[in-house]
Each structure stands twice: as C-alpha cells, then as structure tokens.
Amino acid sequence: MSRRSRVILFIAIIVLALIFTRFIYIEVNKIIYKNRVSDYLITEMEYDEDEIAKVEGVYGFKMPEFYVAVVFKNEPYVEYLYVAHGSVSQYEYQIIDSQYKNLSQDELKNYEPRF
C-alpha cells in the first residue's frame, strides 16, 4: 500500500469516526433526556407509568437542542414538550389532532403553567 493510499485511508477513518461519534452523542442524549423526564413525571409529578402514552427524546436543530415529547393517555391529542437541562420543566405544548385545535390552556389536563 502506497503512502498516499494510507493517508487517504487514515483521513476516511477519521471522518467516519467523527460522523459516528456525533450520531452516538445525539442518541445517548436523547435517551438521557427521556429518562430524566420520565423520572420527573413519575417521582415528582406522581403520574403512574400507565398514564403516560409516549415519552420520546428529540434532537432539534434549534433551541433547545434536546427536548422530550410526552403524550398522556388522557389527552392523546396533545403533545407536551419538556426540557431537562438542569431541572426538568414543561415549556410548550402542541395540539397534534386538528379536531382539538381550538382547545384553550384552561381545558388541558396535564398543562403545567410556569408561573
């Protein structure tokens, strides 16, 4: 193998390692944030596990970089978004079923007002 081939191979390995490392970083952080929010909902907010339909760690390209989407079984038409940077808090919600788009905050069962 020539010197030039070894250099190209070495550079290719480095590039692949960087890409793979970024992928692992994203996936591991999604799991960490999901676990933090799950723990918060069950221990601090005292939800039963069977009251929660979905907890999913999400990587976003804008701020916050990592957040968690939660859907509760009693409100399958609302997705609550949580951040877990330091302490866990609910920062937003999205109506995911257009049939309920006119729902007000007062009608939400799992909404946690910040103030």
PDB file of N, CA and C in Angstrom:
ATOM      1  N   MET A   1       0.848  -1.170   0.000  1.00  0.00           N
ATOM      2  CA  MET A   1       0.000   0.000   0.000  1.00  0.00           C
ATOM      3  C   MET A   1       0.897   1.239   0.000  1.00  0.00           C
ATOM      4  N   SER A   2       0.625   2.136  -0.897  1.00  0.00           N
ATOM      5  CA  SER A   2       1.461   3.326  -1.011  1.00  0.00           C
ATOM      6  C   SER A   2       1.164   4.305   0.121  1.00  0.00           C
ATOM      7  N   ARG A   3       2.062   5.239   0.296  1.00  0.00           N
ATOM      8  CA  ARG A   3       1.921   6.260   1.347  1.00  0.00           C
ATOM      9  C   ARG A   3       0.657   7.087   1.116  1.00  0.00           C
ATOM     10  N   ARG A   4       0.395   7.437  -0.125  1.00  0.00           N
ATOM     11  CA  ARG A   4      -0.792   8.231  -0.454  1.00  0.00           C
ATOM     12  C   ARG A   4      -2.077   7.468  -0.098  1.00  0.00           C
ATOM     13  N   SER A   5      -2.130   6.185  -0.387  1.00  0.00           N
ATOM     14  CA  SER A   5      -3.300   5.360  -0.062  1.00  0.00           C
ATOM     15  C   SER A   5      -3.515   5.287   1.449  1.00  0.00           C
ATOM     16  N   ARG A   6      -2.427   5.183   2.203  1.00  0.00           N
ATOM     17  CA  ARG A   6      -2.541   5.129   3.661  1.00  0.00           C
ATOM     18  C   ARG A   6      -3.061   6.453   4.223  1.00  0.00           C
ATOM     19  N   VAL A   7      -2.624   7.564   3.668  1.00  0.00           N
ATOM     20  CA  VAL A   7      -3.086   8.876   4.124  1.00  0.00           C
ATOM     21  C   VAL A   7      -4.579   9.027   3.835  1.00  0.00           C
ATOM     22  N   ILE A   8      -5.008   8.639   2.640  1.00  0.00           N
ATOM     23  CA  ILE A   8      -6.422   8.724   2.275  1.00  0.00           C
ATOM     24  C   ILE A   8      -7.254   7.819   3.177  1.00  0.00           C
ATOM     25  N   LEU A   9      -6.778   6.619   3.433  1.00  0.00           N
ATOM     26  CA  LEU A   9      -7.475   5.697   4.315  1.00  0.00           C
ATOM     27  C   LEU A   9      -7.575   6.273   5.730  1.00  0.00           C
ATOM     28  N   PHE A  10      -6.491   6.845   6.223  1.00  0.00           N
ATOM     29  CA  PHE A  10      -6.474   7.441   7.559  1.00  0.00           C
ATOM     30  C   PHE A  10      -7.486   8.598   7.645  1.00  0.00           C
ATOM     31  N   ILE A  11      -7.519   9.454   6.649  1.00  0.00           N
ATOM     32  CA  ILE A  11      -8.461  10.580   6.641  1.00  0.00           C
ATOM     33  C   ILE A  11      -9.903  10.070   6.581  1.00  0.00           C
ATOM     34  N   ALA A  12     -10.155   9.058   5.780  1.00  0.00           N
ATOM     35  CA  ALA A  12     -11.500   8.479   5.680  1.00  0.00           C
ATOM     36  C   ALA A  12     -11.937   7.897   7.022  1.00  0.00           C
ATOM     37  N   ILE A  13     -11.034   7.230   7.700  1.00  0.00           N
ATOM     38  CA  ILE A  13     -11.352   6.657   9.022  1.00  0.00           C
ATOM     39  C   ILE A  13     -11.669   7.762  10.023  1.00  0.00           C
ATOM     40  N   ILE A  14     -10.898   8.827  10.003  1.00  0.00           N
ATOM     41  CA  ILE A  14     -11.139   9.952  10.917  1.00  0.00           C
ATOM     42  C   ILE A  14     -12.508  10.584  10.637  1.00  0.00           C
ATOM     43  N   VAL A  15     -12.835  10.815   9.383  1.00  0.00           N
ATOM     44  CA  VAL A  15     -14.122  11.418   9.021  1.00  0.00           C
ATOM     45  C   VAL A  15     -15.275  10.513   9.465  1.00  0.00           C
ATOM     46  N   LEU A  16     -15.171   9.233   9.207  1.00  0.00           N
ATOM     47  CA  LEU A  16     -16.218   8.294   9.626  1.00  0.00           C
ATOM     48  C   LEU A  16     -16.347   8.243  11.145  1.00  0.00           C
ATOM     49  N   ALA A  17     -15.225   8.293  11.839  1.00  0.00           N
ATOM     50  CA  ALA A  17     -15.251   8.293  13.304  1.00  0.00           C
ATOM     51  C   ALA A  17     -15.958   9.536  13.833  1.00  0.00           C
ATOM     52  N   LEU A  18     -15.709  10.679  13.223  1.00  0.00           N
ATOM     53  CA  LEU A  18     -16.373  11.912  13.659  1.00  0.00           C
ATOM     54  C   LEU A  18     -17.880  11.846  13.420  1.00  0.00           C
ATOM     55  N   ILE A  19     -18.279  11.331  12.292  1.00  0.00           N
ATOM     56  CA  ILE A  19     -19.705  11.191  11.989  1.00  0.00           C
ATOM     57  C   ILE A  19     -20.354  10.217  12.961  1.00  0.00           C
ATOM     58  N   PHE A  20     -19.709   9.089  13.190  1.00  0.00           N
ATOM     59  CA  PHE A  20     -20.234   8.076  14.095  1.00  0.00           C
ATOM     60  C   PHE A  20     -20.318   8.615  15.519  1.00  0.00           C
ATOM     61  N   THR A  21     -19.317   9.376  15.952  1.00  0.00           N
ATOM     62  CA  THR A  21     -19.309   9.957  17.291  1.00  0.00           C
ATOM     63  C   THR A  21     -20.476  10.922  17.466  1.00  0.00           C
ATOM     64  N   ARG A  22     -20.743  11.738  16.480  1.00  0.00           N
ATOM     65  CA  ARG A  22     -21.866  12.678  16.544  1.00  0.00           C
ATOM     66  C   ARG A  22     -23.194  11.927  16.652  1.00  0.00           C
ATOM     67  N   PHE A  23     -23.341  10.859  15.884  1.00  0.00           N
ATOM     68  CA  PHE A  23     -24.553  10.047  15.939  1.00  0.00           C
ATOM     69  C   PHE A  23     -24.749   9.460  17.337  1.00  0.00           C
ATOM     70  N   ILE A  24     -23.693   8.915  17.903  1.00  0.00           N
ATOM     71  CA  ILE A  24     -23.767   8.336  19.250  1.00  0.00           C
ATOM     72  C   ILE A  24     -24.115   9.412  20.274  1.00  0.00           C
ATOM     73  N   TYR A  25     -23.487  10.585  20.159  1.00  0.00           N
ATOM     74  CA  TYR A  25     -23.759  11.704  21.068  1.00  0.00           C
ATOM     75  C   TYR A  25     -25.245  12.062  21.056  1.00  0.00           C
ATOM     76  N   ILE A  26     -25.828  12.164  19.879  1.00  0.00           N
ATOM     77  CA  ILE A  26     -27.243  12.524  19.759  1.00  0.00           C
ATOM     78  C   ILE A  26     -28.135  11.445  20.364  1.00  0.00           C
ATOM     79  N   GLU A  27     -27.895  10.198  20.021  1.00  0.00           N
ATOM     80  CA  GLU A  27     -28.745   9.107  20.510  1.00  0.00           C
ATOM     81  C   GLU A  27     -28.643   8.942  22.025  1.00  0.00           C
ATOM     82  N   VAL A  28     -27.445   9.046  22.565  1.00  0.00           N
ATOM     83  CA  VAL A  28     -27.258   8.907  24.016  1.00  0.00           C
ATOM     84  C   VAL A  28     -27.959  10.049  24.747  1.00  0.00           C
ATOM     85  N   ASN A  29     -27.844  11.266  24.248  1.00  0.00           N
ATOM     86  CA  ASN A  29     -28.502  12.402  24.902  1.00  0.00           C
ATOM     87  C   ASN A  29     -30.018  12.301  24.827  1.00  0.00           C
ATOM     88  N   LYS A  30     -30.558  11.799  23.737  1.00  0.00           N
ATOM     89  CA  LYS A  30     -32.000  11.607  23.648  1.00  0.00           C
ATOM     90  C   LYS A  30     -32.476  10.635  24.729  1.00  0.00           C
ATOM     91  N   ILE A  31     -31.714   9.575  24.956  1.00  0.00           N
ATOM     92  CA  ILE A  31     -32.063   8.597  25.991  1.00  0.00           C
ATOM     93  C   ILE A  31     -31.938   9.209  27.383  1.00  0.00           C
ATOM     94  N   ILE A  32     -30.876   9.969  27.623  1.00  0.00           N
ATOM     95  CA  ILE A  32     -30.671  10.610  28.924  1.00  0.00           C
ATOM     96  C   ILE A  32     -31.824  11.565  29.236  1.00  0.00           C
ATOM     97  N   TYR A  33     -32.193  12.405  28.277  1.00  0.00           N
ATOM     98  CA  TYR A  33     -33.274  13.362  28.495  1.00  0.00           C
ATOM     99  C   TYR A  33     -34.612  12.652  28.687  1.00  0.00           C
ATOM    100  N   LYS A  34     -34.843  11.608  27.926  1.00  0.00           N
ATOM    101  CA  LYS A  34     -36.075  10.824  28.079  1.00  0.00           C
ATOM    102  C   LYS A  34     -36.162  10.253  29.492  1.00  0.00           C
ATOM    103  N   ASN A  35     -35.059   9.708  29.982  1.00  0.00           N
ATOM    104  CA  ASN A  35     -35.043   9.131  31.329  1.00  0.00           C
ATOM    105  C   ASN A  35     -35.248  10.192  32.403  1.00  0.00           C
ATOM    106  N   ARG A  36     -34.649  11.374  32.229  1.00  0.00           N
ATOM    107  CA  ARG A  36     -34.829  12.461  33.205  1.00  0.00           C
ATOM    108  C   ARG A  36     -36.293  12.879  33.295  1.00  0.00           C
ATOM    109  N   VAL A  37     -36.923  13.052  32.145  1.00  0.00           N
ATOM    110  CA  VAL A  37     -38.317  13.485  32.129  1.00  0.00           C
ATOM    111  C   VAL A  37     -39.225  12.380  32.662  1.00  0.00           C
ATOM    112  N   SER A  38     -38.977  11.141  32.287  1.00  0.00           N
ATOM    113  CA  SER A  38     -39.777  10.025  32.807  1.00  0.00           C
ATOM    114  C   SER A  38     -39.694   9.973  34.324  1.00  0.00           C
ATOM    115  N   ASP A  39     -38.496  10.096  34.848  1.00  0.00           N
ATOM    116  CA  ASP A  39     -38.292  10.088  36.297  1.00  0.00           C
ATOM    117  C   ASP A  39     -39.025  11.262  36.951  1.00  0.00           C
ATOM    118  N   TYR A  40     -38.949  12.434  36.350  1.00  0.00           N
ATOM    119  CA  TYR A  40     -39.632  13.621  36.867  1.00  0.00           C
ATOM    120  C   TYR A  40     -41.147  13.402  36.904  1.00  0.00           C
ATOM    121  N   LEU A  41     -41.702  12.884  35.822  1.00  0.00           N
ATOM    122  CA  LEU A  41     -43.151  12.688  35.754  1.00  0.00           C
ATOM    123  C   LEU A  41     -43.628  11.675  36.795  1.00  0.00           C
ATOM    124  N   ILE A  42     -42.845  10.626  36.998  1.00  0.00           N
ATOM    125  CA  ILE A  42     -43.272   9.558  37.906  1.00  0.00           C
ATOM    126  C   ILE A  42     -42.990   9.901  39.367  1.00  0.00           C
ATOM    127  N   THR A  43     -41.809  10.435  39.665  1.00  0.00           N
ATOM    128  CA  THR A  43     -41.462  10.685  41.068  1.00  0.00           C
ATOM    129  C   THR A  43     -41.939  12.040  41.576  1.00  0.00           C
ATOM    130  N   GLU A  44     -41.748  13.095  40.807  1.00  0.00           N
ATOM    131  CA  GLU A  44     -42.116  14.421  41.293  1.00  0.00           C
ATOM    132  C   GLU A  44     -43.563  14.795  40.992  1.00  0.00           C
ATOM    133  N   MET A  45     -44.013  14.487  39.788  1.00  0.00           N
ATOM    134  CA  MET A  45     -45.388  14.843  39.412  1.00  0.00           C
ATOM    135  C   MET A  45     -46.382  13.734  39.781  1.00  0.00           C
ATOM    136  N   GLU A  46     -45.870  12.590  40.196  1.00  0.00           N
ATOM    137  CA  GLU A  46     -46.655  11.461  40.700  1.00  0.00           C
ATOM    138  C   GLU A  46     -47.664  10.882  39.688  1.00  0.00           C
ATOM    139  N   TYR A  47     -47.242  10.837  38.426  1.00  0.00           N
ATOM    140  CA  TYR A  47     -48.026  10.127  37.418  1.00  0.00           C
ATOM    141  C   TYR A  47     -47.695   8.648  37.526  1.00  0.00           C
ATOM    142  N   ASP A  48     -48.670   7.793  37.240  1.00  0.00           N
ATOM    143  CA  ASP A  48     -48.399   6.366  37.110  1.00  0.00           C
ATOM    144  C   ASP A  48     -47.848   6.132  35.706  1.00  0.00           C
ATOM    145  N   GLU A  49     -47.011   5.126  35.577  1.00  0.00           N
ATOM    146  CA  GLU A  49     -46.438   4.818  34.259  1.00  0.00           C
ATOM    147  C   GLU A  49     -47.526   4.543  33.223  1.00  0.00           C
ATOM    148  N   ASP A  50     -48.613   3.923  33.650  1.00  0.00           N
ATOM    149  CA  ASP A  50     -49.670   3.589  32.697  1.00  0.00           C
ATOM    150  C   ASP A  50     -50.535   4.793  32.317  1.00  0.00           C
ATOM    151  N   GLU A  51     -50.294   5.967  32.898  1.00  0.00           N
ATOM    152  CA  GLU A  51     -50.991   7.192  32.487  1.00  0.00           C
ATOM    153  C   GLU A  51     -50.283   7.874  31.324  1.00  0.00           C
ATOM    154  N   ILE A  52     -49.069   7.438  31.046  1.00  0.00           N
ATOM    155  CA  ILE A  52     -48.242   8.071  30.022  1.00  0.00           C
ATOM    156  C   ILE A  52     -48.229   7.193  28.777  1.00  0.00           C
ATOM    157  N   ALA A  53     -48.637   7.760  27.652  1.00  0.00           N
ATOM    158  CA  ALA A  53     -48.693   7.000  26.400  1.00  0.00           C
ATOM    159  C   ALA A  53     -47.349   6.995  25.684  1.00  0.00           C
ATOM    160  N   LYS A  54     -46.622   8.128  25.731  1.00  0.00           N
ATOM    161  CA  LYS A  54     -45.362   8.216  24.980  1.00  0.00           C
ATOM    162  C   LYS A  54     -44.414   9.205  25.649  1.00  0.00           C
ATOM    163  N   VAL A  55     -43.171   8.812  25.750  1.00  0.00           N
ATOM    164  CA  VAL A  55     -42.093   9.704  26.172  1.00  0.00           C
ATOM    165  C   VAL A  55     -40.978   9.486  25.169  1.00  0.00           C
ATOM    166  N   GLU A  56     -40.630  10.535  24.428  1.00  0.00           N
ATOM    167  CA  GLU A  56     -39.648  10.388  23.358  1.00  0.00           C
ATOM    168  C   GLU A  56     -38.637  11.528  23.390  1.00  0.00           C
ATOM    169  N   GLY A  57     -37.363  11.157  23.493  1.00  0.00           N
ATOM    170  CA  GLY A  57     -36.305  12.149  23.394  1.00  0.00           C
ATOM    171  C   GLY A  57     -36.180  12.631  21.965  1.00  0.00           C
ATOM    172  N   VAL A  58     -35.999  13.943  21.798  1.00  0.00           N
ATOM    173  CA  VAL A  58     -35.968  14.545  20.463  1.00  0.00           C
ATOM    174  C   VAL A  58     -34.732  15.424  20.333  1.00  0.00           C
ATOM    175  N   TYR A  59     -34.071  15.317  19.188  1.00  0.00           N
ATOM    176  CA  TYR A  59     -32.971  16.216  18.847  1.00  0.00           C
ATOM    177  C   TYR A  59     -33.513  17.241  17.868  1.00  0.00           C
ATOM    178  N   GLY A  60     -33.429  18.499  18.246  1.00  0.00           N
ATOM    179  CA  GLY A  60     -33.894  19.571  17.378  1.00  0.00           C
ATOM    180  C   GLY A  60     -32.721  20.389  16.885  1.00  0.00           C
ATOM    181  N   PHE A  61     -32.881  21.002  15.753  1.00  0.00           N
ATOM    182  CA  PHE A  61     -31.799  21.805  15.188  1.00  0.00           C
ATOM    183  C   PHE A  61     -31.792  23.219  15.748  1.00  0.00           C
ATOM    184  N   LYS A  62     -32.881  23.625  16.390  1.00  0.00           N
ATOM    185  CA  LYS A  62     -32.932  24.939  17.002  1.00  0.00           C
ATOM    186  C   LYS A  62     -32.973  24.768  18.517  1.00  0.00           C
ATOM    187  N   MET A  63     -33.022  25.839  19.223  1.00  0.00           N
ATOM    188  CA  MET A  63     -33.033  25.758  20.684  1.00  0.00           C
ATOM    189  C   MET A  63     -34.392  25.327  21.167  1.00  0.00           C
ATOM    190  N   PRO A  64     -34.509  24.493  22.159  1.00  0.00           N
ATOM    191  CA  PRO A  64     -33.431  23.735  22.774  1.00  0.00           C
ATOM    192  C   PRO A  64     -32.971  22.600  21.868  1.00  0.00           C
ATOM    193  N   GLU A  65     -31.715  22.271  21.983  1.00  0.00           N
ATOM    194  CA  GLU A  65     -31.152  21.233  21.115  1.00  0.00           C
ATOM    195  C   GLU A  65     -31.781  19.870  21.402  1.00  0.00           C
ATOM    196  N   PHE A  66     -31.965  19.577  22.700  1.00  0.00           N
ATOM    197  CA  PHE A  66     -32.603  18.322  23.102  1.00  0.00           C
ATOM    198  C   PHE A  66     -33.830  18.652  23.945  1.00  0.00           C
ATOM    199  N   TYR A  67     -34.921  17.971  23.655  1.00  0.00           N
ATOM    200  CA  TYR A  67     -36.125  18.102  24.465  1.00  0.00           C
ATOM    201  C   TYR A  67     -36.866  16.775  24.421  1.00  0.00           C
ATOM    202  N   VAL A  68     -37.941  16.688  25.183  1.00  0.00           N
ATOM    203  CA  VAL A  68     -38.681  15.432  25.282  1.00  0.00           C
ATOM    204  C   VAL A  68     -40.153  15.708  24.985  1.00  0.00           C
ATOM    205  N   ALA A  69     -40.726  14.899  24.097  1.00  0.00           N
ATOM    206  CA  ALA A  69     -42.143  14.985  23.755  1.00  0.00           C
ATOM    207  C   ALA A  69     -42.898  13.921  24.552  1.00  0.00           C
ATOM    208  N   VAL A  70     -43.951  14.361  25.238  1.00  0.00           N
ATOM    209  CA  VAL A  70     -44.741  13.465  26.087  1.00  0.00           C
ATOM    210  C   VAL A  70     -46.203  13.540  25.672  1.00  0.00           C
ATOM    211  N   VAL A  71     -46.815  12.381  25.545  1.00  0.00           N
ATOM    212  CA  VAL A  71     -48.255  12.288  25.287  1.00  0.00           C
ATOM    213  C   VAL A  71     -48.853  11.466  26.425  1.00  0.00           C
ATOM    214  N   PHE A  72     -49.888  12.018  27.034  1.00  0.00           N
ATOM    215  CA  PHE A  72     -50.569  11.327  28.121  1.00  0.00           C
ATOM    216  C   PHE A  72     -51.792  10.596  27.561  1.00  0.00           C
ATOM    217  N   LYS A  73     -52.136   9.485  28.185  1.00  0.00           N
ATOM    218  CA  LYS A  73     -53.267   8.685  27.699  1.00  0.00           C
ATOM    219  C   LYS A  73     -54.594   9.432  27.816  1.00  0.00           C
ATOM    220  N   ASN A  74     -54.714  10.324  28.801  1.00  0.00           N
ATOM    221  CA  ASN A  74     -55.971  11.056  28.954  1.00  0.00           C
ATOM    222  C   ASN A  74     -56.082  12.244  27.994  1.00  0.00           C
ATOM    223  N   GLU A  75     -55.011  12.541  27.257  1.00  0.00           N
ATOM    224  CA  GLU A  75     -55.005  13.603  26.244  1.00  0.00           C
ATOM    225  C   GLU A  75     -54.158  13.174  25.047  1.00  0.00           C
ATOM    226  N   PRO A  76     -54.601  12.198  24.286  1.00  0.00           N
ATOM    227  CA  PRO A  76     -53.786  11.715  23.165  1.00  0.00           C
ATOM    228  C   PRO A  76     -53.667  12.711  22.010  1.00  0.00           C
ATOM    229  N   TYR A  77     -54.378  13.789  22.081  1.00  0.00           N
ATOM    230  CA  TYR A  77     -54.373  14.818  21.040  1.00  0.00           C
ATOM    231  C   TYR A  77     -53.430  15.983  21.359  1.00  0.00           C
ATOM    232  N   VAL A  78     -52.729  15.910  22.508  1.00  0.00           N
ATOM    233  CA  VAL A  78     -51.795  16.967  22.907  1.00  0.00           C
ATOM    234  C   VAL A  78     -50.424  16.365  23.166  1.00  0.00           C
ATOM    235  N   GLU A  79     -49.407  17.031  22.637  1.00  0.00           N
ATOM    236  CA  GLU A  79     -48.020  16.626  22.888  1.00  0.00           C
ATOM    237  C   GLU A  79     -47.379  17.730  23.732  1.00  0.00           C
ATOM    238  N   TYR A  80     -46.954  17.364  24.926  1.00  0.00           N
ATOM    239  CA  TYR A  80     -46.296  18.315  25.820  1.00  0.00           C
ATOM    240  C   TYR A  80     -44.792  18.203  25.624  1.00  0.00           C
ATOM    241  N   LEU A  81     -44.117  19.337  25.600  1.00  0.00           N
ATOM    242  CA  LEU A  81     -42.680  19.362  25.384  1.00  0.00           C
ATOM    243  C   LEU A  81     -41.984  19.784  26.674  1.00  0.00           C
ATOM    244  N   TYR A  82     -40.981  19.012  27.048  1.00  0.00           N
ATOM    245  CA  TYR A  82     -40.233  19.245  28.277  1.00  0.00           C
ATOM    246  C   TYR A  82     -38.760  19.447  27.948  1.00  0.00           C
ATOM    247  N   VAL A  83     -38.107  20.278  28.754  1.00  0.00           N
ATOM    248  CA  VAL A  83     -36.654  20.407  28.690  1.00  0.00           C
ATOM    249  C   VAL A  83     -36.101  19.819  29.978  1.00  0.00           C
ATOM    250  N   ALA A  84     -34.903  19.289  29.896  1.00  0.00           N
ATOM    251  CA  ALA A  84     -34.275  18.664  31.065  1.00  0.00           C
ATOM    252  C   ALA A  84     -32.830  19.124  31.193  1.00  0.00           C
ATOM    253  N   HIS A  85     -32.595  20.382  30.900  1.00  0.00           N
ATOM    254  CA  HIS A  85     -31.258  20.966  31.050  1.00  0.00           C
ATOM    255  C   HIS A  85     -31.156  21.455  32.487  1.00  0.00           C
ATOM    256  N   GLY A  86     -30.545  20.685  33.340  1.00  0.00           N
ATOM    257  CA  GLY A  86     -30.553  21.004  34.767  1.00  0.00           C
ATOM    258  C   GLY A  86     -31.833  20.460  35.364  1.00  0.00           C
ATOM    259  N   SER A  87     -32.780  21.357  35.654  1.00  0.00           N
ATOM    260  CA  SER A  87     -34.060  20.895  36.180  1.00  0.00           C
ATOM    261  C   SER A  87     -35.012  20.611  35.006  1.00  0.00           C
ATOM    262  N   VAL A  88     -36.021  19.814  35.275  1.00  0.00           N
ATOM    263  CA  VAL A  88     -36.998  19.447  34.248  1.00  0.00           C
ATOM    264  C   VAL A  88     -38.175  20.409  34.326  1.00  0.00           C
ATOM    265  N   SER A  89     -38.613  20.875  33.170  1.00  0.00           N
ATOM    266  CA  SER A  89     -39.808  21.726  33.145  1.00  0.00           C
ATOM    267  C   SER A  89     -40.521  21.584  31.801  1.00  0.00           C
ATOM    268  N   GLN A  90     -41.814  21.777  31.864  1.00  0.00           N
ATOM    269  CA  GLN A  90     -42.630  21.767  30.660  1.00  0.00           C
ATOM    270  C   GLN A  90     -42.543  23.167  30.059  1.00  0.00           C
ATOM    271  N   TYR A  91     -42.225  23.259  28.787  1.00  0.00           N
ATOM    272  CA  TYR A  91     -42.080  24.590  28.215  1.00  0.00           C
ATOM    273  C   TYR A  91     -43.073  24.888  27.101  1.00  0.00           C
ATOM    274  N   GLU A  92     -43.768  23.900  26.604  1.00  0.00           N
ATOM    275  CA  GLU A  92     -44.675  24.150  25.497  1.00  0.00           C
ATOM    276  C   GLU A  92     -45.584  22.941  25.326  1.00  0.00           C
ATOM    277  N   TYR A  93     -46.646  23.144  24.579  1.00  0.00           N
ATOM    278  CA  TYR A  93     -47.498  22.023  24.181  1.00  0.00           C
ATOM    279  C   TYR A  93     -47.928  22.244  22.737  1.00  0.00           C
ATOM    280  N   GLN A  94     -48.279  21.152  22.072  1.00  0.00           N
ATOM    281  CA  GLN A  94     -48.745  21.218  20.696  1.00  0.00           C
ATOM    282  C   GLN A  94     -49.985  20.350  20.568  1.00  0.00           C
ATOM    283  N   ILE A  95     -50.993  20.889  19.923  1.00  0.00           N
ATOM    284  CA  ILE A  95     -52.178  20.089  19.622  1.00  0.00           C
ATOM    285  C   ILE A  95     -51.835  19.274  18.374  1.00  0.00           C
ATOM    286  N   ILE A  96     -51.848  17.955  18.490  1.00  0.00           N
ATOM    287  CA  ILE A  96     -51.426  17.106  17.368  1.00  0.00           C
ATOM    288  C   ILE A  96     -52.604  16.527  16.589  1.00  0.00           C
ATOM    289  N   ASP A  97     -53.808  16.793  17.066  1.00  0.00           N
ATOM    290  CA  ASP A  97     -55.017  16.360  16.360  1.00  0.00           C
ATOM    291  C   ASP A  97     -55.812  17.615  16.012  1.00  0.00           C
ATOM    292  N   SER A  98     -55.960  17.902  14.741  1.00  0.00           N
ATOM    293  CA  SER A  98     -56.600  19.147  14.297  1.00  0.00           C
ATOM    294  C   SER A  98     -58.043  19.277  14.789  1.00  0.00           C
ATOM    295  N   GLN A  99     -58.649  18.192  15.161  1.00  0.00           N
ATOM    296  CA  GLN A  99     -60.017  18.225  15.686  1.00  0.00           C
ATOM    297  C   GLN A  99     -60.080  19.039  16.988  1.00  0.00           C
ATOM    298  N   TYR A 100     -58.976  19.108  17.713  1.00  0.00           N
ATOM    299  CA  TYR A 100     -58.924  19.793  19.005  1.00  0.00           C
ATOM    300  C   TYR A 100     -58.148  21.106  18.942  1.00  0.00           C
ATOM    301  N   LYS A 101     -57.966  21.682  17.775  1.00  0.00           N
ATOM    302  CA  LYS A 101     -57.101  22.856  17.612  1.00  0.00           C
ATOM    303  C   LYS A 101     -57.582  24.087  18.369  1.00  0.00           C
ATOM    304  N   ASN A 102     -58.856  24.162  18.703  1.00  0.00           N
ATOM    305  CA  ASN A 102     -59.400  25.318  19.414  1.00  0.00           C
ATOM    306  C   ASN A 102     -59.409  25.149  20.926  1.00  0.00           C
ATOM    307  N   LEU A 103     -58.721  24.152  21.422  1.00  0.00           N
ATOM    308  CA  LEU A 103     -58.647  23.881  22.848  1.00  0.00           C
ATOM    309  C   LEU A 103     -57.857  24.993  23.538  1.00  0.00           C
ATOM    310  N   SER A 104     -58.349  25.487  24.657  1.00  0.00           N
ATOM    311  CA  SER A 104     -57.625  26.527  25.403  1.00  0.00           C
ATOM    312  C   SER A 104     -56.741  25.881  26.470  1.00  0.00           C
ATOM    313  N   GLN A 105     -55.832  26.660  27.007  1.00  0.00           N
ATOM    314  CA  GLN A 105     -54.942  26.146  28.056  1.00  0.00           C
ATOM    315  C   GLN A 105     -55.733  25.690  29.272  1.00  0.00           C
ATOM    316  N   ASP A 106     -56.809  26.361  29.576  1.00  0.00           N
ATOM    317  CA  ASP A 106     -57.619  26.002  30.741  1.00  0.00           C
ATOM    318  C   ASP A 106     -58.251  24.620  30.598  1.00  0.00           C
ATOM    319  N   GLU A 107     -58.416  24.164  29.381  1.00  0.00           N
ATOM    320  CA  GLU A 107     -59.038  22.859  29.137  1.00  0.00           C
ATOM    321  C   GLU A 107     -58.024  21.708  29.139  1.00  0.00           C
ATOM    322  N   LEU A 108     -56.753  22.032  29.169  1.00  0.00           N
ATOM    323  CA  LEU A 108     -55.715  20.997  29.162  1.00  0.00           C
ATOM    324  C   LEU A 108     -55.590  20.364  30.544  1.00  0.00           C
ATOM    325  N   LYS A 109     -55.517  19.058  30.574  1.00  0.00           N
ATOM    326  CA  LYS A 109     -55.490  18.328  31.838  1.00  0.00           C
ATOM    327  C   LYS A 109     -54.087  18.202  32.416  1.00  0.00           C
ATOM    328  N   ASN A 110     -53.066  18.217  31.577  1.00  0.00           N
ATOM    329  CA  ASN A 110     -51.697  17.989  32.043  1.00  0.00           C
ATOM    330  C   ASN A 110     -50.796  19.199  31.857  1.00  0.00           C
ATOM    331  N   TYR A 111     -51.383  20.346  31.636  1.00  0.00           N
ATOM    332  CA  TYR A 111     -50.613  21.569  31.421  1.00  0.00           C
ATOM    333  C   TYR A 111     -50.051  22.054  32.752  1.00  0.00           C
ATOM    334  N   GLU A 112     -48.782  22.395  32.773  1.00  0.00           N
ATOM    335  CA  GLU A 112     -48.125  22.920  33.979  1.00  0.00           C
ATOM    336  C   GLU A 112     -47.736  24.383  33.722  1.00  0.00           C
ATOM    337  N   PRO A 113     -48.554  25.321  34.193  1.00  0.00           N
ATOM    338  CA  PRO A 113     -48.175  26.730  33.994  1.00  0.00           C
ATOM    339  C   PRO A 113     -46.848  27.029  34.671  1.00  0.00           C
ATOM    340  N   ARG A 114     -46.042  27.830  34.030  1.00  0.00           N
ATOM    341  CA  ARG A 114     -44.717  28.154  34.573  1.00  0.00           C
ATOM    342  C   ARG A 114     -44.801  29.054  35.789  1.00  0.00           C
ATOM    343  N   PHE A 115     -45.808  29.878  35.873  1.00  0.00           N
ATOM    344  CA  PHE A 115     -45.867  30.855  36.967  1.00  0.00           C
ATOM    345  C   PHE A 115     -47.041  30.621  37.865  1.00  0.00           C
TER     346      PHE A 115
END
